[in-house]
Amino acid sequence: MPQKVFVSGCYDLLHSGHVAFFKEASQYGDLYVGIGSDNTILALKGRIPYNTQQERLYMVRSIRYVKDAWINKGSGILDFQEDIKEFKPVFFINNGNKAHQYVLRSGLDLESLCALSENCFK
């Protein structure tokens, strides 16, 4: 059975860099994508998204490297925290400035998650 791989982002104005990231991440197993809600984008970026969350969800699900996608349940920079706890991926791949990759372990709490990422804000 393939391993579960999770990535998360806004994916507003989806572009070829996102697709390349999905392709690379999918090499670790079945790729699942969490998408920031319209409200999360408004709160983080101070603007409404160009594409609604349903449009972004449709586009991301249409990419062949993606097994499935959903709108993250939470809000803020770590809007995916509840999803990770429920989904329990083997890999969480962060497409940060240096594209570091991190392995999640079951039961990872917020402090541990933040300790893994240079791009984590509390």
Protein backbone atom coordinates (compact mmCIF):
# COMPACT_ATOMS: atom_id res chain seq x y z
CA MET A 1 0.00 0.00 0.00
CA PRO A 2 1.46 3.42 -0.96
CA GLN A 3 2.41 5.80 1.83
CA LYS A 4 0.27 8.87 2.47
CA VAL A 5 1.93 12.18 1.60
CA PHE A 6 0.40 15.51 2.65
CA VAL A 7 1.05 19.04 1.44
CA SER A 8 -0.87 22.20 2.20
CA GLY A 9 -1.17 25.65 0.69
CA CYS A 10 -3.48 28.30 -0.71
CA TYR A 11 -2.89 27.49 -4.40
CA ASP A 12 -4.55 30.72 -5.46
CA LEU A 13 -3.35 31.56 -8.94
CA LEU A 14 -2.28 27.96 -9.47
CA HIS A 15 0.86 27.80 -11.65
CA SER A 16 3.46 25.42 -13.05
CA GLY A 17 5.60 25.69 -9.89
CA HIS A 18 2.74 24.19 -7.88
CA VAL A 19 2.36 21.36 -10.39
CA ALA A 20 6.12 20.66 -10.26
CA PHE A 21 5.93 20.61 -6.44
CA PHE A 22 3.01 18.15 -6.58
CA LYS A 23 4.94 15.96 -9.01
CA GLU A 24 7.99 15.88 -6.72
CA ALA A 25 5.91 15.26 -3.58
CA SER A 26 3.99 12.42 -5.25
CA GLN A 27 7.24 10.48 -5.65
CA TYR A 28 6.99 9.64 -1.91
CA GLY A 29 3.54 8.04 -2.17
CA ASP A 30 -0.11 8.96 -2.70
CA LEU A 31 -0.36 12.75 -2.59
CA TYR A 32 -3.15 14.46 -0.65
CA VAL A 33 -3.46 18.24 -0.71
CA GLY A 34 -4.96 20.52 1.94
CA ILE A 35 -6.14 23.86 0.59
CA GLY A 36 -6.51 27.06 2.59
CA SER A 37 -10.08 28.33 2.80
CA ASP A 38 -11.20 31.69 1.44
CA ASN A 39 -11.37 32.98 5.02
CA THR A 40 -7.83 31.78 5.77
CA ILE A 41 -6.46 33.58 2.69
CA LEU A 42 -8.31 36.76 3.67
CA ALA A 43 -6.90 36.59 7.20
CA LEU A 44 -3.32 35.80 6.15
CA LYS A 45 -2.98 37.89 3.00
CA GLY A 46 -5.48 40.66 3.69
CA ARG A 47 -7.36 40.08 0.44
CA ILE A 48 -9.97 37.78 -0.94
CA PRO A 49 -8.60 35.00 -3.16
CA TYR A 50 -8.71 35.43 -6.93
CA ASN A 51 -10.24 31.95 -7.21
CA THR A 52 -12.80 30.68 -4.71
CA GLN A 53 -11.93 27.70 -2.53
CA GLN A 54 -14.23 25.50 -4.64
CA GLU A 55 -12.48 26.58 -7.87
CA ARG A 56 -9.06 25.94 -6.32
CA LEU A 57 -10.21 22.57 -5.03
CA TYR A 58 -11.47 21.60 -8.49
CA MET A 59 -8.20 22.63 -10.15
CA VAL A 60 -5.95 20.87 -7.62
CA ARG A 61 -8.02 17.68 -7.79
CA SER A 62 -7.65 17.77 -11.58
CA ILE A 63 -3.86 17.45 -11.42
CA ARG A 64 -2.78 13.90 -12.15
CA TYR A 65 -0.23 13.74 -9.33
CA VAL A 66 -2.90 14.44 -6.69
CA LYS A 67 -4.78 11.48 -5.19
CA ASP A 68 -7.28 13.73 -3.40
CA ALA A 69 -7.64 17.24 -1.99
CA TRP A 70 -9.85 19.07 0.50
CA ILE A 71 -10.34 22.44 2.15
CA ASN A 72 -8.42 22.51 5.44
CA LYS A 73 -10.63 22.56 8.52
CA GLY A 74 -8.66 25.09 10.55
CA SER A 75 -7.63 28.69 10.10
CA GLY A 76 -4.40 30.65 10.11
CA ILE A 77 -0.93 29.61 9.04
CA LEU A 78 -1.41 26.11 10.51
CA ASP A 79 -4.93 25.61 9.15
CA PHE A 80 -4.02 21.99 8.38
CA GLN A 81 -3.18 20.93 11.96
CA GLU A 82 -6.54 19.22 12.62
CA ASP A 83 -6.40 17.54 9.21
CA ILE A 84 -2.93 16.12 9.91
CA LYS A 85 -4.03 14.69 13.24
CA GLU A 86 -6.97 12.93 11.59
CA PHE A 87 -5.26 11.93 8.33
CA LYS A 88 -1.95 10.77 9.85
CA PRO A 89 0.29 11.08 6.78
CA VAL A 90 3.70 9.42 6.71
CA PHE A 91 5.19 12.48 4.98
CA PHE A 92 4.40 16.17 5.31
CA ILE A 93 6.29 18.04 2.63
CA ASN A 94 6.73 21.76 3.15
CA ASN A 95 7.34 23.84 0.04
CA GLY A 96 9.01 26.63 1.99
CA ASN A 97 11.74 28.91 0.73
CA LYS A 98 14.30 26.11 0.92
CA ALA A 99 11.80 23.32 0.12
CA HIS A 100 12.72 21.27 3.21
CA GLN A 101 10.96 17.94 3.64
CA TYR A 102 9.74 16.73 6.99
CA VAL A 103 8.48 13.40 8.19
CA LEU A 104 5.47 13.49 10.52
CA ARG A 105 5.02 10.97 13.27
CA SER A 106 1.63 10.04 14.68
CA GLY A 107 0.47 12.29 17.49
CA LEU A 108 2.66 15.23 16.53
CA ASP A 109 1.59 18.30 18.49
CA LEU A 110 1.80 21.96 17.48
CA GLU A 111 5.11 22.56 19.25
CA SER A 112 6.72 19.57 17.55
CA LEU A 113 5.32 20.60 14.16
CA CYS A 114 6.69 24.12 14.59
CA ALA A 115 10.08 22.76 15.62
CA LEU A 116 10.31 20.99 12.25
CA SER A 117 9.73 24.04 10.08
CA GLU A 118 11.67 27.27 9.69
CA ASN A 119 8.50 28.75 8.19
CA CYS A 120 6.23 28.01 11.16
CA PHE A 121 4.52 30.88 12.90
CA LYS A 122 2.66 30.65 16.23
